[in-house]
Every structure is written in structure tokens, then in C-alpha cells.
Amino acid sequence: MKPVVLAAGPHPDDIEIGCGGTLIKLSEKFDIHMLVLTEGDAVSGNRRKEQEKSAGVLNAAGLWWGNYKDTDIPYSKELIMFLEEKIRELDPVLIFTNYYRDTHQDHRALANNIQSATRYSRNVLYYEVPTSIDFTPSVFTNIERVWEKKKELLRAHSSQVEATRISGLSILESAEACAIFRGYQGRSKYSEGFIPLRLSLDWTRELL
């Protein structure tokens, strides 16, 4: 069996935006599991199917749901215990989650729960989404060779492609702008950036 990488997100498409390219590269050596806490039903009723489609494009080994209501993820003992149980079950060597400084309450709540649930995990990285605040990455993945496939992941969330609330700007354009900017910082054409909660350097050479 391949070792496991776990990516957690509060809503459908958060994982793909924040670390989709990195997951595509990691899927060559690791089993990718996605944990999505809500179905994003406050925005669209189709987002569960879109997330399932994206997981298929990624060839994810598992797609797990938290079954929380959109905009109502709690910071609670129960959620921490749920996350701990999933982490014990999957035993991931690397965990991704969204950054804790964010304008959306669901994003803040998941990140705060993850901080507690991963207190014994060796490798935890925060990814960014468009609502992240003061995100200053120090870890980068060159996603140039998988950029087109990352766009496939984003297109799978068809109800969200034009949902930036900025006239004339699509999620694909926003993601490319971010990838180019992080790429410049990471010394590549396209990159994803991360902030480590905890990262063990003794095994990172084996990742990508």
C-alpha cells in the first residue's frame, strides 16, 4: 500500500484551489484522501457532485464528508475528535488544510480544529484560498507540469468557475494569477505556496 496524504477543506473546491497541483504530483507516489466538511449548499446544491467529479479527476483514494452545514462549522470538541479519528484511521504522512487567518468563518473554524487534531502529526501544511489573509508562504511546489490538470480539477466545480463576485474574473484566472505570483516567489513559472504548522525535513526529498 502507498502512504497516505490527507487534504482537508471546509467546502468543495477549497482543496483544489489551495493544493490541487501539489496533490496531482503527490498522487504519483501517495494515496490521496480528501476530507470536505460541508457540501457548500449555501451557494449551490450541485457541489457534492462537483466534488465527487474532481476527486475522480484526481484519482483520489478516498473522499470523506464531515456533513456539517455550510457557514456553520463549529470549533468544538466533537469536531476535533472526528478529525483525530480520521487521522488515526488513515495515518497520513502529510496533512494539508486551509490557513487559519481568513475572512470566512468556516475556514477559521476548520483550521483551529485541525491545529488541535494534528498536535501529534509530523507534517502539516497550510494552503491559501482567495479569502486568506496575510498569507506569506515559505514552502513551495512547482506545479508547472501539472498546471493543465489543476485547471481540470477547478473546472469540475462548474458552479464556482464564475463565482468570484468580481466582474469578468473567473476562478481559473484568479488561480493562474496566484500560481504565477507564487511561482515567482518559488522560482518557477507556476507554484503553490504553503505555510508549515510543522514540517520534518528528513523525508521531504522523497515527496515530489
C-alpha atoms as a PDB file:
ATOM      1  CA  MET A   1       0.000   0.000   0.000  1.00  0.00           C
ATOM      2  CA  LYS A   2       1.070   3.544  -0.722  1.00  0.00           C
ATOM      3  CA  PRO A   3       1.500   6.005   2.146  1.00  0.00           C
ATOM      4  CA  VAL A   4      -1.401   8.412   2.621  1.00  0.00           C
ATOM      5  CA  VAL A   5      -1.676  12.170   2.156  1.00  0.00           C
ATOM      6  CA  LEU A   6      -4.757  13.830   3.640  1.00  0.00           C
ATOM      7  CA  ALA A   7      -6.128  17.168   2.413  1.00  0.00           C
ATOM      8  CA  ALA A   8      -8.897  18.836   4.419  1.00  0.00           C
ATOM      9  CA  GLY A   9     -11.142  21.664   3.290  1.00  0.00           C
ATOM     10  CA  PRO A  10     -14.258  23.354   4.622  1.00  0.00           C
ATOM     11  CA  HIS A  11     -16.078  23.445   1.259  1.00  0.00           C
ATOM     12  CA  PRO A  12     -15.927  21.779  -2.152  1.00  0.00           C
ATOM     13  CA  ASP A  13     -13.127  23.324  -4.300  1.00  0.00           C
ATOM     14  CA  ASP A  14     -11.070  24.778  -1.395  1.00  0.00           C
ATOM     15  CA  ILE A  15      -8.625  21.868  -1.539  1.00  0.00           C
ATOM     16  CA  GLU A  16      -8.225  22.092  -5.312  1.00  0.00           C
ATOM     17  CA  ILE A  17      -7.633  25.843  -5.232  1.00  0.00           C
ATOM     18  CA  GLY A  18      -5.117  25.643  -2.413  1.00  0.00           C
ATOM     19  CA  CYS A  19      -3.137  22.489  -3.137  1.00  0.00           C
ATOM     20  CA  GLY A  20      -4.629  20.765  -6.181  1.00  0.00           C
ATOM     21  CA  GLY A  21      -1.431  20.887  -8.199  1.00  0.00           C
ATOM     22  CA  THR A  22       0.639  19.533  -5.341  1.00  0.00           C
ATOM     23  CA  LEU A  23      -1.869  16.696  -4.811  1.00  0.00           C
ATOM     24  CA  ILE A  24      -1.671  15.781  -8.500  1.00  0.00           C
ATOM     25  CA  LYS A  25       2.096  15.402  -8.189  1.00  0.00           C
ATOM     26  CA  LEU A  26       1.870  13.559  -4.884  1.00  0.00           C
ATOM     27  CA  SER A  27      -0.708  11.131  -6.317  1.00  0.00           C
ATOM     28  CA  GLU A  28       2.099   9.520  -8.308  1.00  0.00           C
ATOM     29  CA  LYS A  29       3.590   8.131  -5.077  1.00  0.00           C
ATOM     30  CA  PHE A  30       0.888   8.528  -2.417  1.00  0.00           C
ATOM     31  CA  ASP A  31      -2.771   7.690  -1.900  1.00  0.00           C
ATOM     32  CA  ILE A  32      -4.650  10.984  -1.739  1.00  0.00           C
ATOM     33  CA  HIS A  33      -7.611  11.282   0.625  1.00  0.00           C
ATOM     34  CA  MET A  34      -9.852  14.353   0.652  1.00  0.00           C
ATOM     35  CA  LEU A  35     -11.918  15.404   3.656  1.00  0.00           C
ATOM     36  CA  VAL A  36     -14.559  18.055   2.943  1.00  0.00           C
ATOM     37  CA  LEU A  37     -16.573  19.252   5.927  1.00  0.00           C
ATOM     38  CA  THR A  38     -19.606  20.748   4.124  1.00  0.00           C
ATOM     39  CA  GLU A  39     -21.354  20.331   0.789  1.00  0.00           C
ATOM     40  CA  GLY A  40     -21.271  24.080   0.120  1.00  0.00           C
ATOM     41  CA  ASP A  41     -25.062  24.038  -0.054  1.00  0.00           C
ATOM     42  CA  ALA A  42     -25.409  27.711   0.883  1.00  0.00           C
ATOM     43  CA  VAL A  43     -24.077  28.517  -2.600  1.00  0.00           C
ATOM     44  CA  SER A  44     -25.268  25.678  -4.836  1.00  0.00           C
ATOM     45  CA  GLY A  45     -26.990  22.336  -4.486  1.00  0.00           C
ATOM     46  CA  ASN A  46     -24.678  20.687  -7.026  1.00  0.00           C
ATOM     47  CA  ARG A  47     -21.406  20.999  -5.179  1.00  0.00           C
ATOM     48  CA  ARG A  48     -21.277  17.477  -3.748  1.00  0.00           C
ATOM     49  CA  LYS A  49     -21.429  16.034  -7.270  1.00  0.00           C
ATOM     50  CA  GLU A  50     -18.813  18.549  -8.420  1.00  0.00           C
ATOM     51  CA  GLN A  51     -16.514  17.487  -5.596  1.00  0.00           C
ATOM     52  CA  GLU A  52     -17.001  13.840  -6.500  1.00  0.00           C
ATOM     53  CA  LYS A  53     -16.132  14.652 -10.123  1.00  0.00           C
ATOM     54  CA  SER A  54     -12.978  16.472  -9.067  1.00  0.00           C
ATOM     55  CA  ALA A  55     -11.935  13.568  -6.817  1.00  0.00           C
ATOM     56  CA  GLY A  56     -12.335  11.325  -9.857  1.00  0.00           C
ATOM     57  CA  VAL A  57     -10.090  13.545 -11.975  1.00  0.00           C
ATOM     58  CA  LEU A  58      -7.504  13.434  -9.199  1.00  0.00           C
ATOM     59  CA  ASN A  59      -7.982   9.656  -8.862  1.00  0.00           C
ATOM     60  CA  ALA A  60      -8.269  10.186  -5.110  1.00  0.00           C
ATOM     61  CA  ALA A  61      -8.198   7.049  -2.985  1.00  0.00           C
ATOM     62  CA  GLY A  62     -10.893   8.445  -0.709  1.00  0.00           C
ATOM     63  CA  LEU A  63     -13.381  11.305  -0.460  1.00  0.00           C
ATOM     64  CA  TRP A  64     -14.783  11.848   3.024  1.00  0.00           C
ATOM     65  CA  TRP A  65     -17.520  14.210   4.173  1.00  0.00           C
ATOM     66  CA  GLY A  66     -17.945  15.924   7.516  1.00  0.00           C
ATOM     67  CA  ASN A  67     -21.675  16.546   6.922  1.00  0.00           C
ATOM     68  CA  TYR A  68     -21.606  19.973   8.568  1.00  0.00           C
ATOM     69  CA  LYS A  69     -23.859  22.773   7.403  1.00  0.00           C
ATOM     70  CA  ASP A  70     -22.275  25.387   5.154  1.00  0.00           C
ATOM     71  CA  THR A  71     -21.308  28.558   7.126  1.00  0.00           C
ATOM     72  CA  ASP A  72     -21.839  26.694  10.416  1.00  0.00           C
ATOM     73  CA  ILE A  73     -18.676  24.657  11.074  1.00  0.00           C
ATOM     74  CA  PRO A  74     -18.088  24.764  14.847  1.00  0.00           C
ATOM     75  CA  TYR A  75     -14.928  24.953  16.879  1.00  0.00           C
ATOM     76  CA  SER A  76     -15.747  22.052  19.144  1.00  0.00           C
ATOM     77  CA  LYS A  77     -14.508  19.009  20.989  1.00  0.00           C
ATOM     78  CA  GLU A  78     -16.729  16.838  18.792  1.00  0.00           C
ATOM     79  CA  LEU A  79     -15.163  18.062  15.555  1.00  0.00           C
ATOM     80  CA  ILE A  80     -11.645  17.758  16.952  1.00  0.00           C
ATOM     81  CA  MET A  81     -12.419  14.172  17.934  1.00  0.00           C
ATOM     82  CA  PHE A  82     -13.880  13.470  14.472  1.00  0.00           C
ATOM     83  CA  LEU A  83     -10.704  14.791  12.830  1.00  0.00           C
ATOM     84  CA  GLU A  84      -8.485  12.861  15.238  1.00  0.00           C
ATOM     85  CA  GLU A  85     -10.353   9.646  14.470  1.00  0.00           C
ATOM     86  CA  LYS A  86      -9.976  10.161  10.715  1.00  0.00           C
ATOM     87  CA  ILE A  87      -6.267  10.894  11.140  1.00  0.00           C
ATOM     88  CA  ARG A  88      -5.787   7.731  13.225  1.00  0.00           C
ATOM     89  CA  GLU A  89      -7.704   5.703  10.638  1.00  0.00           C
ATOM     90  CA  LEU A  90      -5.763   6.980   7.623  1.00  0.00           C
ATOM     91  CA  ASP A  91      -2.382   7.557   9.330  1.00  0.00           C
ATOM     92  CA  PRO A  92      -1.325  10.229   6.809  1.00  0.00           C
ATOM     93  CA  VAL A  93       2.334  11.136   6.392  1.00  0.00           C
ATOM     94  CA  LEU A  94       1.327  14.663   5.323  1.00  0.00           C
ATOM     95  CA  ILE A  95      -1.759  16.767   6.053  1.00  0.00           C
ATOM     96  CA  PHE A  96      -2.953  19.875   4.193  1.00  0.00           C
ATOM     97  CA  THR A  97      -5.554  22.319   5.444  1.00  0.00           C
ATOM     98  CA  ASN A  98      -6.527  25.919   4.807  1.00  0.00           C
ATOM     99  CA  TYR A  99      -4.771  28.786   6.586  1.00  0.00           C
ATOM    100  CA  TYR A 100      -6.303  29.964   9.855  1.00  0.00           C
ATOM    101  CA  ARG A 101      -6.292  33.684   9.035  1.00  0.00           C
ATOM    102  CA  ASP A 102      -9.294  34.059   6.734  1.00  0.00           C
ATOM    103  CA  THR A 103     -12.392  36.194   6.230  1.00  0.00           C
ATOM    104  CA  HIS A 104     -14.696  33.141   6.155  1.00  0.00           C
ATOM    105  CA  GLN A 105     -15.779  31.692   9.496  1.00  0.00           C
ATOM    106  CA  ASP A 106     -15.804  28.103   8.211  1.00  0.00           C
ATOM    107  CA  HIS A 107     -12.176  28.403   7.140  1.00  0.00           C
ATOM    108  CA  ARG A 108     -11.111  29.784  10.510  1.00  0.00           C
ATOM    109  CA  ALA A 109     -13.036  27.066  12.337  1.00  0.00           C
ATOM    110  CA  LEU A 110     -11.539  24.161  10.381  1.00  0.00           C
ATOM    111  CA  ALA A 111      -8.004  25.479  10.745  1.00  0.00           C
ATOM    112  CA  ASN A 112      -8.413  25.916  14.503  1.00  0.00           C
ATOM    113  CA  ASN A 113      -9.845  22.414  14.903  1.00  0.00           C
ATOM    114  CA  ILE A 114      -7.038  20.965  12.778  1.00  0.00           C
ATOM    115  CA  GLN A 115      -4.419  22.633  14.968  1.00  0.00           C
ATOM    116  CA  SER A 116      -5.645  20.581  17.902  1.00  0.00           C
ATOM    117  CA  ALA A 117      -6.375  17.390  15.971  1.00  0.00           C
ATOM    118  CA  THR A 118      -2.883  17.293  14.388  1.00  0.00           C
ATOM    119  CA  ARG A 119      -0.888  18.035  17.524  1.00  0.00           C
ATOM    120  CA  TYR A 120       0.915  14.679  17.176  1.00  0.00           C
ATOM    121  CA  SER A 121       1.291  14.824  13.376  1.00  0.00           C
ATOM    122  CA  ARG A 122       4.766  15.451  11.990  1.00  0.00           C
ATOM    123  CA  ASN A 123       3.876  17.194   8.735  1.00  0.00           C
ATOM    124  CA  VAL A 124       1.072  19.754   8.445  1.00  0.00           C
ATOM    125  CA  LEU A 125       0.945  22.471   5.796  1.00  0.00           C
ATOM    126  CA  TYR A 126      -1.493  25.371   5.412  1.00  0.00           C
ATOM    127  CA  TYR A 127      -2.647  26.266   1.905  1.00  0.00           C
ATOM    128  CA  GLU A 128      -4.189  29.510   0.711  1.00  0.00           C
ATOM    129  CA  VAL A 129      -7.541  30.335  -0.841  1.00  0.00           C
ATOM    130  CA  PRO A 130      -8.823  33.683  -2.168  1.00  0.00           C
ATOM    131  CA  THR A 131     -10.181  34.642   1.279  1.00  0.00           C
ATOM    132  CA  SER A 132      -6.880  34.017   3.096  1.00  0.00           C
ATOM    133  CA  ILE A 133      -5.385  36.988   4.960  1.00  0.00           C
ATOM    134  CA  ASP A 134      -1.668  37.855   5.272  1.00  0.00           C
ATOM    135  CA  PHE A 135      -0.573  34.581   3.711  1.00  0.00           C
ATOM    136  CA  THR A 136       3.239  34.552   3.448  1.00  0.00           C
ATOM    137  CA  PRO A 137       4.413  31.128   2.276  1.00  0.00           C
ATOM    138  CA  SER A 138       7.864  29.706   2.903  1.00  0.00           C
ATOM    139  CA  VAL A 139       7.326  26.306   1.240  1.00  0.00           C
ATOM    140  CA  PHE A 140       6.598  25.989  -2.486  1.00  0.00           C
ATOM    141  CA  THR A 141       5.688  23.324  -5.031  1.00  0.00           C
ATOM    142  CA  ASN A 142       6.483  23.811  -8.705  1.00  0.00           C
ATOM    143  CA  ILE A 143       3.214  22.884 -10.434  1.00  0.00           C
ATOM    144  CA  GLU A 144       4.141  23.901 -13.985  1.00  0.00           C
ATOM    145  CA  ARG A 145       3.967  20.382 -15.455  1.00  0.00           C
ATOM    146  CA  VAL A 146       0.570  19.702 -13.832  1.00  0.00           C
ATOM    147  CA  TRP A 147      -0.988  23.131 -14.365  1.00  0.00           C
ATOM    148  CA  GLU A 148      -3.379  21.978 -17.090  1.00  0.00           C
ATOM    149  CA  LYS A 149      -4.637  19.136 -14.899  1.00  0.00           C
ATOM    150  CA  LYS A 150      -5.115  21.503 -11.968  1.00  0.00           C
ATOM    151  CA  LYS A 151      -7.396  23.519 -14.237  1.00  0.00           C
ATOM    152  CA  GLU A 152      -9.365  20.307 -14.868  1.00  0.00           C
ATOM    153  CA  LEU A 153      -9.883  19.969 -11.112  1.00  0.00           C
ATOM    154  CA  LEU A 154     -11.145  23.540 -10.923  1.00  0.00           C
ATOM    155  CA  ARG A 155     -13.430  23.149 -13.959  1.00  0.00           C
ATOM    156  CA  ALA A 156     -15.042  20.151 -12.255  1.00  0.00           C
ATOM    157  CA  HIS A 157     -16.536  22.694  -9.839  1.00  0.00           C
ATOM    158  CA  SER A 158     -18.510  24.253 -12.662  1.00  0.00           C
ATOM    159  CA  SER A 159     -20.910  26.219 -10.453  1.00  0.00           C
ATOM    160  CA  GLN A 160     -17.937  28.081  -8.954  1.00  0.00           C
ATOM    161  CA  VAL A 161     -15.884  28.954 -12.029  1.00  0.00           C
ATOM    162  CA  GLU A 162     -17.540  32.358 -12.419  1.00  0.00           C
ATOM    163  CA  ALA A 163     -18.327  32.831  -8.716  1.00  0.00           C
ATOM    164  CA  THR A 164     -15.561  35.275  -7.801  1.00  0.00           C
ATOM    165  CA  ARG A 165     -18.021  38.176  -7.393  1.00  0.00           C
ATOM    166  CA  ILE A 166     -15.552  40.232  -9.429  1.00  0.00           C
ATOM    167  CA  SER A 167     -16.910  41.116 -12.855  1.00  0.00           C
ATOM    168  CA  GLY A 168     -15.017  39.457 -15.694  1.00  0.00           C
ATOM    169  CA  LEU A 169     -12.744  37.396 -13.424  1.00  0.00           C
ATOM    170  CA  SER A 170     -13.082  33.602 -13.286  1.00  0.00           C
ATOM    171  CA  ILE A 171     -11.705  31.199 -10.696  1.00  0.00           C
ATOM    172  CA  LEU A 172      -9.360  29.889 -13.375  1.00  0.00           C
ATOM    173  CA  GLU A 173      -7.921  33.358 -13.976  1.00  0.00           C
ATOM    174  CA  SER A 174      -7.658  34.026 -10.254  1.00  0.00           C
ATOM    175  CA  ALA A 175      -5.883  30.707  -9.699  1.00  0.00           C
ATOM    176  CA  GLU A 176      -3.457  31.369 -12.542  1.00  0.00           C
ATOM    177  CA  ALA A 177      -2.613  34.828 -11.223  1.00  0.00           C
ATOM    178  CA  CYS A 178      -1.907  33.330  -7.807  1.00  0.00           C
ATOM    179  CA  ALA A 179       0.151  30.484  -9.307  1.00  0.00           C
ATOM    180  CA  ILE A 180       2.276  32.942 -11.293  1.00  0.00           C
ATOM    181  CA  PHE A 181       2.858  35.155  -8.255  1.00  0.00           C
ATOM    182  CA  ARG A 182       3.773  32.208  -6.022  1.00  0.00           C
ATOM    183  CA  GLY A 183       5.809  30.837  -8.910  1.00  0.00           C
ATOM    184  CA  TYR A 184       7.902  33.980  -8.982  1.00  0.00           C
ATOM    185  CA  GLN A 185       8.460  33.653  -5.252  1.00  0.00           C
ATOM    186  CA  GLY A 186       9.241  29.941  -5.575  1.00  0.00           C
ATOM    187  CA  ARG A 187      11.439  30.438  -8.668  1.00  0.00           C
ATOM    188  CA  SER A 188       9.203  28.645 -11.156  1.00  0.00           C
ATOM    189  CA  LYS A 189       6.521  29.628 -13.664  1.00  0.00           C
ATOM    190  CA  TYR A 190       3.631  28.254 -11.589  1.00  0.00           C
ATOM    191  CA  SER A 191       3.767  27.349  -7.908  1.00  0.00           C
ATOM    192  CA  GLU A 192       1.562  26.690  -4.912  1.00  0.00           C
ATOM    193  CA  GLY A 193       2.722  28.174  -1.623  1.00  0.00           C
ATOM    194  CA  PHE A 194       2.362  26.799   1.891  1.00  0.00           C
ATOM    195  CA  ILE A 195       2.952  27.834   5.468  1.00  0.00           C
ATOM    196  CA  PRO A 196       4.105  24.967   7.693  1.00  0.00           C
ATOM    197  CA  LEU A 197       2.480  24.331  11.022  1.00  0.00           C
ATOM    198  CA  ARG A 198       5.041  21.550  11.286  1.00  0.00           C
ATOM    199  CA  LEU A 199       7.366  20.074   8.661  1.00  0.00           C
ATOM    200  CA  SER A 200      10.035  17.376   9.029  1.00  0.00           C
ATOM    201  CA  LEU A 201      12.860  17.910   6.573  1.00  0.00           C
ATOM    202  CA  ASP A 202      14.267  14.386   6.900  1.00  0.00           C
ATOM    203  CA  TRP A 203      11.829  12.988   4.347  1.00  0.00           C
ATOM    204  CA  THR A 204      10.834  15.870   2.061  1.00  0.00           C
ATOM    205  CA  ARG A 205      13.307  14.861  -0.665  1.00  0.00           C
ATOM    206  CA  GLU A 206      11.124  11.787  -1.273  1.00  0.00           C
ATOM    207  CA  LEU A 207       7.939  13.765  -1.904  1.00  0.00           C
ATOM    208  CA  LEU A 208       7.927  15.092  -5.425  1.00  0.00           C
END
